[in-house]
Amino acid sequence: MVNRIVVGAHYGLKDWIAQRATAVVMAVYTALIVAVILVARPADFEAWRAIFAHGFIKFASFLFALSLFYHAWIGMRDLWMDYIKPTGLRLALHVLTILALVGYAGWAASILWRL
């Protein structure tokens, strides 16, 4: 019988695919927003506000934000697991990262839906 000792992140294919999928979502959103801005050519705050007042743009922006936060979580979690050896410090960094990203998601939602 072979006993494997798992060290580091090693979450495998699921997280690799999630990183690529979130990157694709962010790239598509970026292309969409660039196209909208080139067509609309907003000149003042009210024009910018009108662009982001549309339900689809709000949804796409929030999907972008969630993709960004999940992408960041996977990257930071792997970084903490690979390079921070003391377990207590690593756990604290995980918790602080999660709290920050959840807070940012709430902040993004409040910004988008208060427009």
PDB file of N, CA and C in Angstrom:
ATOM      1  N   MET A   1       0.836  -1.169   0.000  1.00  0.00           N
ATOM      2  CA  MET A   1       0.000   0.000   0.000  1.00  0.00           C
ATOM      3  C   MET A   1       0.891   1.247   0.000  1.00  0.00           C
ATOM      4  N   VAL A   2       0.523   2.203  -0.819  1.00  0.00           N
ATOM      5  CA  VAL A   2       1.283   3.442  -0.926  1.00  0.00           C
ATOM      6  C   VAL A   2       0.529   4.540  -0.189  1.00  0.00           C
ATOM      7  N   ASN A   3       1.195   5.180   0.740  1.00  0.00           N
ATOM      8  CA  ASN A   3       0.611   6.322   1.452  1.00  0.00           C
ATOM      9  C   ASN A   3       1.121   7.600   0.815  1.00  0.00           C
ATOM     10  N   ARG A   4       0.184   8.397   0.331  1.00  0.00           N
ATOM     11  CA  ARG A   4       0.556   9.678  -0.269  1.00  0.00           C
ATOM     12  C   ARG A   4       0.436  10.767   0.769  1.00  0.00           C
ATOM     13  N   ILE A   5       1.420  11.618   0.805  1.00  0.00           N
ATOM     14  CA  ILE A   5       1.367  12.794   1.672  1.00  0.00           C
ATOM     15  C   ILE A   5       1.060  13.982   0.777  1.00  0.00           C
ATOM     16  N   VAL A   6      -0.093  14.590   1.002  1.00  0.00           N
ATOM     17  CA  VAL A   6      -0.519  15.718   0.184  1.00  0.00           C
ATOM     18  C   VAL A   6      -0.029  17.000   0.846  1.00  0.00           C
ATOM     19  N   VAL A   7       0.745  17.772   0.108  1.00  0.00           N
ATOM     20  CA  VAL A   7       1.225  19.057   0.604  1.00  0.00           C
ATOM     21  C   VAL A   7       0.853  20.141  -0.394  1.00  0.00           C
ATOM     22  N   GLY A   8       0.705  21.360   0.071  1.00  0.00           N
ATOM     23  CA  GLY A   8       0.370  22.468  -0.813  1.00  0.00           C
ATOM     24  C   GLY A   8      -1.104  22.447  -1.174  1.00  0.00           C
ATOM     25  N   ALA A   9      -1.450  23.195  -2.182  1.00  0.00           N
ATOM     26  CA  ALA A   9      -2.852  23.346  -2.574  1.00  0.00           C
ATOM     27  C   ALA A   9      -3.385  22.072  -3.223  1.00  0.00           C
ATOM     28  N   HIS A  10      -2.870  21.696  -4.352  1.00  0.00           N
ATOM     29  CA  HIS A  10      -3.240  20.471  -5.065  1.00  0.00           C
ATOM     30  C   HIS A  10      -4.745  20.251  -5.174  1.00  0.00           C
ATOM     31  N   TYR A  11      -5.478  21.265  -5.572  1.00  0.00           N
ATOM     32  CA  TYR A  11      -6.907  21.083  -5.734  1.00  0.00           C
ATOM     33  C   TYR A  11      -7.236  20.524  -7.106  1.00  0.00           C
ATOM     34  N   GLY A  12      -6.304  20.594  -8.023  1.00  0.00           N
ATOM     35  CA  GLY A  12      -6.438  19.882  -9.273  1.00  0.00           C
ATOM     36  C   GLY A  12      -7.254  20.543 -10.342  1.00  0.00           C
ATOM     37  N   LEU A  13      -7.867  19.679 -11.137  1.00  0.00           N
ATOM     38  CA  LEU A  13      -8.538  20.086 -12.359  1.00  0.00           C
ATOM     39  C   LEU A  13      -9.697  21.044 -12.116  1.00  0.00           C
ATOM     40  N   LYS A  14     -10.476  20.821 -11.076  1.00  0.00           N
ATOM     41  CA  LYS A  14     -11.638  21.675 -10.800  1.00  0.00           C
ATOM     42  C   LYS A  14     -11.236  23.139 -10.673  1.00  0.00           C
ATOM     43  N   ASP A  15     -10.210  23.416  -9.907  1.00  0.00           N
ATOM     44  CA  ASP A  15      -9.786  24.800  -9.715  1.00  0.00           C
ATOM     45  C   ASP A  15      -9.078  25.359 -10.944  1.00  0.00           C
ATOM     46  N   TRP A  16      -8.376  24.505 -11.672  1.00  0.00           N
ATOM     47  CA  TRP A  16      -7.742  24.947 -12.913  1.00  0.00           C
ATOM     48  C   TRP A  16      -8.815  25.401 -13.902  1.00  0.00           C
ATOM     49  N   ILE A  17      -9.885  24.611 -14.017  1.00  0.00           N
ATOM     50  CA  ILE A  17     -10.987  24.975 -14.914  1.00  0.00           C
ATOM     51  C   ILE A  17     -11.690  26.229 -14.417  1.00  0.00           C
ATOM     52  N   ALA A  18     -11.900  26.338 -13.100  1.00  0.00           N
ATOM     53  CA  ALA A  18     -12.559  27.526 -12.543  1.00  0.00           C
ATOM     54  C   ALA A  18     -11.748  28.780 -12.833  1.00  0.00           C
ATOM     55  N   GLN A  19     -10.424  28.699 -12.711  1.00  0.00           N
ATOM     56  CA  GLN A  19      -9.573  29.860 -13.017  1.00  0.00           C
ATOM     57  C   GLN A  19      -9.732  30.266 -14.480  1.00  0.00           C
ATOM     58  N   ARG A  20      -9.743  29.289 -15.367  1.00  0.00           N
ATOM     59  CA  ARG A  20      -9.877  29.601 -16.803  1.00  0.00           C
ATOM     60  C   ARG A  20     -11.261  30.127 -17.122  1.00  0.00           C
ATOM     61  N   ALA A  21     -12.299  29.535 -16.528  1.00  0.00           N
ATOM     62  CA  ALA A  21     -13.668  29.976 -16.786  1.00  0.00           C
ATOM     63  C   ALA A  21     -13.892  31.405 -16.304  1.00  0.00           C
ATOM     64  N   THR A  22     -13.404  31.720 -15.106  1.00  0.00           N
ATOM     65  CA  THR A  22     -13.574  33.084 -14.605  1.00  0.00           C
ATOM     66  C   THR A  22     -12.775  34.070 -15.446  1.00  0.00           C
ATOM     67  N   ALA A  23     -11.622  33.654 -15.945  1.00  0.00           N
ATOM     68  CA  ALA A  23     -10.832  34.529 -16.817  1.00  0.00           C
ATOM     69  C   ALA A  23     -11.581  34.801 -18.121  1.00  0.00           C
ATOM     70  N   VAL A  24     -12.252  33.793 -18.654  1.00  0.00           N
ATOM     71  CA  VAL A  24     -13.037  33.977 -19.886  1.00  0.00           C
ATOM     72  C   VAL A  24     -14.200  34.923 -19.632  1.00  0.00           C
ATOM     73  N   VAL A  25     -14.894  34.752 -18.504  1.00  0.00           N
ATOM     74  CA  VAL A  25     -16.011  35.650 -18.169  1.00  0.00           C
ATOM     75  C   VAL A  25     -15.508  37.094 -18.092  1.00  0.00           C
ATOM     76  N   MET A  26     -14.365  37.304 -17.442  1.00  0.00           N
ATOM     77  CA  MET A  26     -13.825  38.662 -17.305  1.00  0.00           C
ATOM     78  C   MET A  26     -13.401  39.234 -18.655  1.00  0.00           C
ATOM     79  N   ALA A  27     -12.839  38.403 -19.528  1.00  0.00           N
ATOM     80  CA  ALA A  27     -12.416  38.868 -20.853  1.00  0.00           C
ATOM     81  C   ALA A  27     -13.627  39.237 -21.711  1.00  0.00           C
ATOM     82  N   VAL A  28     -14.674  38.417 -21.675  1.00  0.00           N
ATOM     83  CA  VAL A  28     -15.889  38.711 -22.449  1.00  0.00           C
ATOM     84  C   VAL A  28     -16.544  39.991 -21.938  1.00  0.00           C
ATOM     85  N   TYR A  29     -16.612  40.155 -20.625  1.00  0.00           N
ATOM     86  CA  TYR A  29     -17.181  41.380 -20.050  1.00  0.00           C
ATOM     87  C   TYR A  29     -16.380  42.610 -20.490  1.00  0.00           C
ATOM     88  N   THR A  30     -15.075  42.496 -20.451  1.00  0.00           N
ATOM     89  CA  THR A  30     -14.226  43.617 -20.850  1.00  0.00           C
ATOM     90  C   THR A  30     -14.484  44.005 -22.297  1.00  0.00           C
ATOM     91  N   ALA A  31     -14.579  43.016 -23.172  1.00  0.00           N
ATOM     92  CA  ALA A  31     -14.870  43.292 -24.588  1.00  0.00           C
ATOM     93  C   ALA A  31     -16.254  43.932 -24.737  1.00  0.00           C
ATOM     94  N   LEU A  32     -17.239  43.442 -23.976  1.00  0.00           N
ATOM     95  CA  LEU A  32     -18.591  43.995 -24.021  1.00  0.00           C
ATOM     96  C   LEU A  32     -18.603  45.452 -23.581  1.00  0.00           C
ATOM     97  N   ILE A  33     -17.961  45.752 -22.469  1.00  0.00           N
ATOM     98  CA  ILE A  33     -17.956  47.122 -21.951  1.00  0.00           C
ATOM     99  C   ILE A  33     -17.214  48.066 -22.892  1.00  0.00           C
ATOM    100  N   VAL A  34     -16.103  47.602 -23.448  1.00  0.00           N
ATOM    101  CA  VAL A  34     -15.374  48.432 -24.414  1.00  0.00           C
ATOM    102  C   VAL A  34     -16.262  48.732 -25.615  1.00  0.00           C
ATOM    103  N   ALA A  35     -16.989  47.736 -26.117  1.00  0.00           N
ATOM    104  CA  ALA A  35     -17.884  47.950 -27.263  1.00  0.00           C
ATOM    105  C   ALA A  35     -19.002  48.931 -26.899  1.00  0.00           C
ATOM    106  N   VAL A  36     -19.590  48.771 -25.720  1.00  0.00           N
ATOM    107  CA  VAL A  36     -20.670  49.668 -25.292  1.00  0.00           C
ATOM    108  C   VAL A  36     -20.153  51.096 -25.171  1.00  0.00           C
ATOM    109  N   ILE A  37     -18.983  51.261 -24.602  1.00  0.00           N
ATOM    110  CA  ILE A  37     -18.423  52.605 -24.433  1.00  0.00           C
ATOM    111  C   ILE A  37     -18.074  53.230 -25.779  1.00  0.00           C
ATOM    112  N   LEU A  38     -17.557  52.432 -26.705  1.00  0.00           N
ATOM    113  CA  LEU A  38     -17.242  52.967 -28.034  1.00  0.00           C
ATOM    114  C   LEU A  38     -18.495  53.381 -28.792  1.00  0.00           C
ATOM    115  N   VAL A  39     -19.586  52.658 -28.598  1.00  0.00           N
ATOM    116  CA  VAL A  39     -20.840  52.999 -29.270  1.00  0.00           C
ATOM    117  C   VAL A  39     -21.520  54.185 -28.583  1.00  0.00           C
ATOM    118  N   ALA A  40     -21.610  54.148 -27.265  1.00  0.00           N
ATOM    119  CA  ALA A  40     -22.355  55.183 -26.530  1.00  0.00           C
ATOM    120  C   ALA A  40     -21.569  56.474 -26.361  1.00  0.00           C
ATOM    121  N   ARG A  41     -20.257  56.391 -26.286  1.00  0.00           N
ATOM    122  CA  ARG A  41     -19.391  57.549 -26.073  1.00  0.00           C
ATOM    123  C   ARG A  41     -19.908  58.470 -24.967  1.00  0.00           C
ATOM    124  N   PRO A  42     -19.954  57.971 -23.726  1.00  0.00           N
ATOM    125  CA  PRO A  42     -20.467  58.795 -22.628  1.00  0.00           C
ATOM    126  C   PRO A  42     -19.548  59.986 -22.355  1.00  0.00           C
ATOM    127  N   ALA A  43     -20.159  61.168 -22.259  1.00  0.00           N
ATOM    128  CA  ALA A  43     -19.374  62.387 -22.075  1.00  0.00           C
ATOM    129  C   ALA A  43     -19.477  62.950 -20.664  1.00  0.00           C
ATOM    130  N   ASP A  44     -20.500  62.560 -19.936  1.00  0.00           N
ATOM    131  CA  ASP A  44     -20.662  63.082 -18.579  1.00  0.00           C
ATOM    132  C   ASP A  44     -21.151  61.976 -17.648  1.00  0.00           C
ATOM    133  N   PHE A  45     -21.290  62.342 -16.388  1.00  0.00           N
ATOM    134  CA  PHE A  45     -21.675  61.359 -15.374  1.00  0.00           C
ATOM    135  C   PHE A  45     -23.036  60.749 -15.670  1.00  0.00           C
ATOM    136  N   GLU A  46     -23.977  61.548 -16.115  1.00  0.00           N
ATOM    137  CA  GLU A  46     -25.328  61.037 -16.397  1.00  0.00           C
ATOM    138  C   GLU A  46     -25.317  60.006 -17.522  1.00  0.00           C
ATOM    139  N   ALA A  47     -24.452  60.201 -18.511  1.00  0.00           N
ATOM    140  CA  ALA A  47     -24.349  59.229 -19.599  1.00  0.00           C
ATOM    141  C   ALA A  47     -23.772  57.908 -19.085  1.00  0.00           C
ATOM    142  N   TRP A  48     -22.754  58.004 -18.224  1.00  0.00           N
ATOM    143  CA  TRP A  48     -22.184  56.795 -17.614  1.00  0.00           C
ATOM    144  C   TRP A  48     -23.230  56.088 -16.762  1.00  0.00           C
ATOM    145  N   ARG A  49     -23.970  56.879 -16.009  1.00  0.00           N
ATOM    146  CA  ARG A  49     -25.009  56.312 -15.143  1.00  0.00           C
ATOM    147  C   ARG A  49     -26.086  55.618 -15.959  1.00  0.00           C
ATOM    148  N   ALA A  50     -26.433  56.197 -17.101  1.00  0.00           N
ATOM    149  CA  ALA A  50     -27.444  55.594 -17.975  1.00  0.00           C
ATOM    150  C   ALA A  50     -26.972  54.241 -18.514  1.00  0.00           C
ATOM    151  N   ILE A  51     -25.694  54.149 -18.843  1.00  0.00           N
ATOM    152  CA  ILE A  51     -25.160  52.872 -19.337  1.00  0.00           C
ATOM    153  C   ILE A  51     -25.313  51.798 -18.272  1.00  0.00           C
ATOM    154  N   PHE A  52     -24.933  52.111 -17.044  1.00  0.00           N
ATOM    155  CA  PHE A  52     -24.950  51.115 -15.973  1.00  0.00           C
ATOM    156  C   PHE A  52     -26.313  50.982 -15.306  1.00  0.00           C
ATOM    157  N   ALA A  53     -27.311  51.732 -15.772  1.00  0.00           N
ATOM    158  CA  ALA A  53     -28.668  51.599 -15.248  1.00  0.00           C
ATOM    159  C   ALA A  53     -29.414  50.434 -15.895  1.00  0.00           C
ATOM    160  N   HIS A  54     -28.939  49.968 -17.043  1.00  0.00           N
ATOM    161  CA  HIS A  54     -29.589  48.843 -17.728  1.00  0.00           C
ATOM    162  C   HIS A  54     -29.402  47.564 -16.918  1.00  0.00           C
ATOM    163  N   GLY A  55     -30.480  46.789 -16.828  1.00  0.00           N
ATOM    164  CA  GLY A  55     -30.441  45.557 -16.048  1.00  0.00           C
ATOM    165  C   GLY A  55     -29.386  44.572 -16.529  1.00  0.00           C
ATOM    166  N   PHE A  56     -29.216  44.439 -17.851  1.00  0.00           N
ATOM    167  CA  PHE A  56     -28.229  43.495 -18.376  1.00  0.00           C
ATOM    168  C   PHE A  56     -26.807  43.915 -18.001  1.00  0.00           C
ATOM    169  N   ILE A  57     -26.522  45.203 -18.089  1.00  0.00           N
ATOM    170  CA  ILE A  57     -25.179  45.690 -17.744  1.00  0.00           C
ATOM    171  C   ILE A  57     -24.928  45.509 -16.245  1.00  0.00           C
ATOM    172  N   LYS A  58     -25.954  45.761 -15.425  1.00  0.00           N
ATOM    173  CA  LYS A  58     -25.811  45.526 -13.986  1.00  0.00           C
ATOM    174  C   LYS A  58     -25.496  44.056 -13.716  1.00  0.00           C
ATOM    175  N   PHE A  59     -26.267  43.171 -14.350  1.00  0.00           N
ATOM    176  CA  PHE A  59     -26.053  41.732 -14.159  1.00  0.00           C
ATOM    177  C   PHE A  59     -24.667  41.327 -14.643  1.00  0.00           C
ATOM    178  N   ALA A  60     -24.278  41.789 -15.834  1.00  0.00           N
ATOM    179  CA  ALA A  60     -22.962  41.440 -16.382  1.00  0.00           C
ATOM    180  C   ALA A  60     -21.848  41.991 -15.496  1.00  0.00           C
ATOM    181  N   SER A  61     -22.028  43.190 -14.970  1.00  0.00           N
ATOM    182  CA  SER A  61     -21.015  43.778 -14.088  1.00  0.00           C
ATOM    183  C   SER A  61     -20.893  42.996 -12.791  1.00  0.00           C
ATOM    184  N   PHE A  62     -22.027  42.566 -12.238  1.00  0.00           N
ATOM    185  CA  PHE A  62     -21.972  41.784 -11.003  1.00  0.00           C
ATOM    186  C   PHE A  62     -21.380  40.400 -11.259  1.00  0.00           C
ATOM    187  N   LEU A  63     -21.705  39.802 -12.401  1.00  0.00           N
ATOM    188  CA  LEU A  63     -21.100  38.520 -12.771  1.00  0.00           C
ATOM    189  C   LEU A  63     -19.592  38.674 -12.928  1.00  0.00           C
ATOM    190  N   PHE A  64     -19.164  39.786 -13.520  1.00  0.00           N
ATOM    191  CA  PHE A  64     -17.729  40.081 -13.625  1.00  0.00           C
ATOM    192  C   PHE A  64     -17.102  40.180 -12.239  1.00  0.00           C
ATOM    193  N   ALA A  65     -17.755  40.908 -11.334  1.00  0.00           N
ATOM    194  CA  ALA A  65     -17.213  41.085  -9.985  1.00  0.00           C
ATOM    195  C   ALA A  65     -17.110  39.744  -9.257  1.00  0.00           C
ATOM    196  N   LEU A  66     -18.154  38.917  -9.336  1.00  0.00           N
ATOM    197  CA  LEU A  66     -18.103  37.605  -8.695  1.00  0.00           C
ATOM    198  C   LEU A  66     -17.011  36.733  -9.305  1.00  0.00           C
ATOM    199  N   SER A  67     -16.867  36.788 -10.618  1.00  0.00           N
ATOM    200  CA  SER A  67     -15.802  36.029 -11.282  1.00  0.00           C
ATOM    201  C   SER A  67     -14.435  36.511 -10.822  1.00  0.00           C
ATOM    202  N   LEU A  68     -14.277  37.806 -10.711  1.00  0.00           N
ATOM    203  CA  LEU A  68     -13.018  38.374 -10.249  1.00  0.00           C
ATOM    204  C   LEU A  68     -12.708  37.920  -8.827  1.00  0.00           C
ATOM    205  N   PHE A  69     -13.708  37.954  -7.958  1.00  0.00           N
ATOM    206  CA  PHE A  69     -13.482  37.580  -6.569  1.00  0.00           C
ATOM    207  C   PHE A  69     -13.186  36.090  -6.430  1.00  0.00           C
ATOM    208  N   TYR A  70     -13.887  35.242  -7.188  1.00  0.00           N
ATOM    209  CA  TYR A  70     -13.616  33.806  -7.121  1.00  0.00           C
ATOM    210  C   TYR A  70     -12.232  33.494  -7.690  1.00  0.00           C
ATOM    211  N   HIS A  71     -11.891  34.166  -8.781  1.00  0.00           N
ATOM    212  CA  HIS A  71     -10.573  34.028  -9.406  1.00  0.00           C
ATOM    213  C   HIS A  71      -9.483  34.420  -8.396  1.00  0.00           C
ATOM    214  N   ALA A  72      -9.708  35.531  -7.711  1.00  0.00           N
ATOM    215  CA  ALA A  72      -8.752  35.998  -6.709  1.00  0.00           C
ATOM    216  C   ALA A  72      -8.671  35.025  -5.538  1.00  0.00           C
ATOM    217  N   TRP A  73      -9.814  34.469  -5.120  1.00  0.00           N
ATOM    218  CA  TRP A  73      -9.809  33.525  -4.005  1.00  0.00           C
ATOM    219  C   TRP A  73      -8.959  32.299  -4.326  1.00  0.00           C
ATOM    220  N   ILE A  74      -9.147  31.734  -5.506  1.00  0.00           N
ATOM    221  CA  ILE A  74      -8.382  30.543  -5.873  1.00  0.00           C
ATOM    222  C   ILE A  74      -6.886  30.865  -5.885  1.00  0.00           C
ATOM    223  N   GLY A  75      -6.534  31.985  -6.476  1.00  0.00           N
ATOM    224  CA  GLY A  75      -5.127  32.368  -6.538  1.00  0.00           C
ATOM    225  C   GLY A  75      -4.523  32.627  -5.180  1.00  0.00           C
ATOM    226  N   MET A  76      -5.223  33.383  -4.341  1.00  0.00           N
ATOM    227  CA  MET A  76      -4.691  33.701  -3.017  1.00  0.00           C
ATOM    228  C   MET A  76      -4.654  32.466  -2.116  1.00  0.00           C
ATOM    229  N   ARG A  77      -5.685  31.631  -2.198  1.00  0.00           N
ATOM    230  CA  ARG A  77      -5.691  30.405  -1.391  1.00  0.00           C
ATOM    231  C   ARG A  77      -4.489  29.530  -1.740  1.00  0.00           C
ATOM    232  N   ASP A  78      -4.232  29.372  -3.036  1.00  0.00           N
ATOM    233  CA  ASP A  78      -3.086  28.562  -3.451  1.00  0.00           C
ATOM    234  C   ASP A  78      -1.773  29.206  -3.010  1.00  0.00           C
ATOM    235  N   LEU A  79      -1.697  30.513  -3.106  1.00  0.00           N
ATOM    236  CA  LEU A  79      -0.493  31.222  -2.667  1.00  0.00           C
ATOM    237  C   LEU A  79      -0.255  31.022  -1.176  1.00  0.00           C
ATOM    238  N   TRP A  80      -1.315  31.230  -0.371  1.00  0.00           N
ATOM    239  CA  TRP A  80      -1.170  31.041   1.072  1.00  0.00           C
ATOM    240  C   TRP A  80      -0.777  29.598   1.403  1.00  0.00           C
ATOM    241  N   MET A  81      -1.411  28.638   0.730  1.00  0.00           N
ATOM    242  CA  MET A  81      -1.133  27.226   1.039  1.00  0.00           C
ATOM    243  C   MET A  81       0.269  26.805   0.612  1.00  0.00           C
ATOM    244  N   ASP A  82       0.760  27.375  -0.460  1.00  0.00           N
ATOM    245  CA  ASP A  82       2.078  26.974  -0.962  1.00  0.00           C
ATOM    246  C   ASP A  82       3.230  27.649  -0.222  1.00  0.00           C
ATOM    247  N   TYR A  83       3.042  28.880   0.243  1.00  0.00           N
ATOM    248  CA  TYR A  83       4.173  29.642   0.757  1.00  0.00           C
ATOM    249  C   TYR A  83       4.108  30.010   2.234  1.00  0.00           C
ATOM    250  N   ILE A  84       2.958  29.875   2.874  1.00  0.00           N
ATOM    251  CA  ILE A  84       2.847  30.194   4.301  1.00  0.00           C
ATOM    252  C   ILE A  84       2.780  28.876   5.070  1.00  0.00           C
ATOM    253  N   LYS A  85       3.838  28.555   5.774  1.00  0.00           N
ATOM    254  CA  LYS A  85       3.930  27.252   6.441  1.00  0.00           C
ATOM    255  C   LYS A  85       3.264  27.197   7.819  1.00  0.00           C
ATOM    256  N   PRO A  86       3.373  28.227   8.683  1.00  0.00           N
ATOM    257  CA  PRO A  86       2.705  28.135   9.993  1.00  0.00           C
ATOM    258  C   PRO A  86       1.181  28.054   9.819  1.00  0.00           C
ATOM    259  N   THR A  87       0.582  27.009  10.355  1.00  0.00           N
ATOM    260  CA  THR A  87      -0.839  26.745  10.140  1.00  0.00           C
ATOM    261  C   THR A  87      -1.731  27.875  10.650  1.00  0.00           C
ATOM    262  N   GLY A  88      -1.427  28.413  11.813  1.00  0.00           N
ATOM    263  CA  GLY A  88      -2.244  29.488  12.366  1.00  0.00           C
ATOM    264  C   GLY A  88      -2.234  30.734  11.500  1.00  0.00           C
ATOM    265  N   LEU A  89      -1.057  31.109  11.027  1.00  0.00           N
ATOM    266  CA  LEU A  89      -0.947  32.275  10.156  1.00  0.00           C
ATOM    267  C   LEU A  89      -1.675  32.039   8.833  1.00  0.00           C
ATOM    268  N   ARG A  90      -1.517  30.832   8.286  1.00  0.00           N
ATOM    269  CA  ARG A  90      -2.191  30.495   7.019  1.00  0.00           C
ATOM    270  C   ARG A  90      -3.701  30.563   7.188  1.00  0.00           C
ATOM    271  N   LEU A  91      -4.220  30.020   8.294  1.00  0.00           N
ATOM    272  CA  LEU A  91      -5.664  30.076   8.558  1.00  0.00           C
ATOM    273  C   LEU A  91      -6.134  31.518   8.695  1.00  0.00           C
ATOM    274  N   ALA A  92      -5.380  32.325   9.410  1.00  0.00           N
ATOM    275  CA  ALA A  92      -5.746  33.743   9.571  1.00  0.00           C
ATOM    276  C   ALA A  92      -5.783  34.456   8.220  1.00  0.00           C
ATOM    277  N   LEU A  93      -4.810  34.186   7.368  1.00  0.00           N
ATOM    278  CA  LEU A  93      -4.782  34.804   6.038  1.00  0.00           C
ATOM    279  C   LEU A  93      -5.955  34.324   5.183  1.00  0.00           C
ATOM    280  N   HIS A  94      -6.306  33.044   5.293  1.00  0.00           N
ATOM    281  CA  HIS A  94      -7.479  32.536   4.577  1.00  0.00           C
ATOM    282  C   HIS A  94      -8.740  33.264   5.017  1.00  0.00           C
ATOM    283  N   VAL A  95      -8.912  33.383   6.324  1.00  0.00           N
ATOM    284  CA  VAL A  95     -10.111  34.032   6.851  1.00  0.00           C
ATOM    285  C   VAL A  95     -10.152  35.505   6.450  1.00  0.00           C
ATOM    286  N   LEU A  96      -9.044  36.208   6.560  1.00  0.00           N
ATOM    287  CA  LEU A  96      -9.004  37.620   6.156  1.00  0.00           C
ATOM    288  C   LEU A  96      -9.286  37.787   4.660  1.00  0.00           C
ATOM    289  N   THR A  97      -8.754  36.888   3.854  1.00  0.00           N
ATOM    290  CA  THR A  97      -9.002  36.947   2.409  1.00  0.00           C
ATOM    291  C   THR A  97     -10.482  36.722   2.108  1.00  0.00           C
ATOM    292  N   ILE A  98     -11.084  35.716   2.743  1.00  0.00           N
ATOM    293  CA  ILE A  98     -12.513  35.446   2.530  1.00  0.00           C
ATOM    294  C   ILE A  98     -13.352  36.635   2.973  1.00  0.00           C
ATOM    295  N   LEU A  99     -13.074  37.176   4.143  1.00  0.00           N
ATOM    296  CA  LEU A  99     -13.846  38.325   4.639  1.00  0.00           C
ATOM    297  C   LEU A  99     -13.726  39.516   3.694  1.00  0.00           C
ATOM    298  N   ALA A 100     -12.528  39.780   3.212  1.00  0.00           N
ATOM    299  CA  ALA A 100     -12.330  40.898   2.288  1.00  0.00           C
ATOM    300  C   ALA A 100     -13.107  40.668   0.993  1.00  0.00           C
ATOM    301  N   LEU A 101     -13.016  39.481   0.416  1.00  0.00           N
ATOM    302  CA  LEU A 101     -13.676  39.217  -0.864  1.00  0.00           C
ATOM    303  C   LEU A 101     -15.199  39.218  -0.732  1.00  0.00           C
ATOM    304  N   VAL A 102     -15.727  38.680   0.360  1.00  0.00           N
ATOM    305  CA  VAL A 102     -17.181  38.728   0.578  1.00  0.00           C
ATOM    306  C   VAL A 102     -17.627  40.174   0.788  1.00  0.00           C
ATOM    307  N   GLY A 103     -16.845  40.930   1.524  1.00  0.00           N
ATOM    308  CA  GLY A 103     -17.154  42.349   1.710  1.00  0.00           C
ATOM    309  C   GLY A 103     -17.133  43.117   0.398  1.00  0.00           C
ATOM    310  N   TYR A 104     -16.140  42.833  -0.439  1.00  0.00           N
ATOM    311  CA  TYR A 104     -16.073  43.488  -1.746  1.00  0.00           C
ATOM    312  C   TYR A 104     -17.270  43.112  -2.619  1.00  0.00           C
ATOM    313  N   ALA A 105     -17.715  41.858  -2.548  1.00  0.00           N
ATOM    314  CA  ALA A 105     -18.886  41.429  -3.327  1.00  0.00           C
ATOM    315  C   ALA A 105     -20.131  42.196  -2.874  1.00  0.00           C
ATOM    316  N   GLY A 106     -20.302  42.334  -1.564  1.00  0.00           N
ATOM    317  CA  GLY A 106     -21.429  43.112  -1.057  1.00  0.00           C
ATOM    318  C   GLY A 106     -21.352  44.571  -1.465  1.00  0.00           C
ATOM    319  N   TRP A 107     -20.160  45.112  -1.422  1.00  0.00           N
ATOM    320  CA  TRP A 107     -19.949  46.505  -1.818  1.00  0.00           C
ATOM    321  C   TRP A 107     -20.266  46.686  -3.302  1.00  0.00           C
ATOM    322  N   ALA A 108     -19.809  45.757  -4.138  1.00  0.00           N
ATOM    323  CA  ALA A 108     -20.088  45.825  -5.583  1.00  0.00           C
ATOM    324  C   ALA A 108     -21.595  45.774  -5.830  1.00  0.00           C
ATOM    325  N   ALA A 109     -22.303  44.887  -5.119  1.00  0.00           N
ATOM    326  CA  ALA A 109     -23.758  44.792  -5.285  1.00  0.00           C
ATOM    327  C   ALA A 109     -24.439  46.091  -4.881  1.00  0.00           C
ATOM    328  N   SER A 110     -24.009  46.670  -3.763  1.00  0.00           N
ATOM    329  CA  SER A 110     -24.651  47.913  -3.324  1.00  0.00           C
ATOM    330  C   SER A 110     -24.386  49.050  -4.293  1.00  0.00           C
ATOM    331  N   ILE A 111     -23.207  49.090  -4.882  1.00  0.00           N
ATOM    332  CA  ILE A 111     -22.900  50.128  -5.872  1.00  0.00           C
ATOM    333  C   ILE A 111     -23.762  49.948  -7.118  1.00  0.00           C
ATOM    334  N   LEU A 112     -23.830  48.725  -7.629  1.00  0.00           N
ATOM    335  CA  LEU A 112     -24.551  48.477  -8.879  1.00  0.00           C
ATOM    336  C   LEU A 112     -26.046  48.691  -8.734  1.00  0.00           C
ATOM    337  N   TRP A 113     -26.616  48.326  -7.606  1.00  0.00           N
ATOM    338  CA  TRP A 113     -28.067  48.424  -7.474  1.00  0.00           C
ATOM    339  C   TRP A 113     -28.533  49.713  -6.829  1.00  0.00           C
ATOM    340  N   ARG A 114     -27.626  50.618  -6.528  1.00  0.00           N
ATOM    341  CA  ARG A 114     -28.071  51.910  -6.039  1.00  0.00           C
ATOM    342  C   ARG A 114     -28.077  52.947  -7.159  1.00  0.00           C
ATOM    343  N   LEU A 115     -27.539  52.587  -8.326  1.00  0.00           N
ATOM    344  CA  LEU A 115     -27.502  53.524  -9.449  1.00  0.00           C
ATOM    345  C   LEU A 115     -28.875  54.005  -9.832  1.00  0.00           C
TER     346      LEU A 115
END
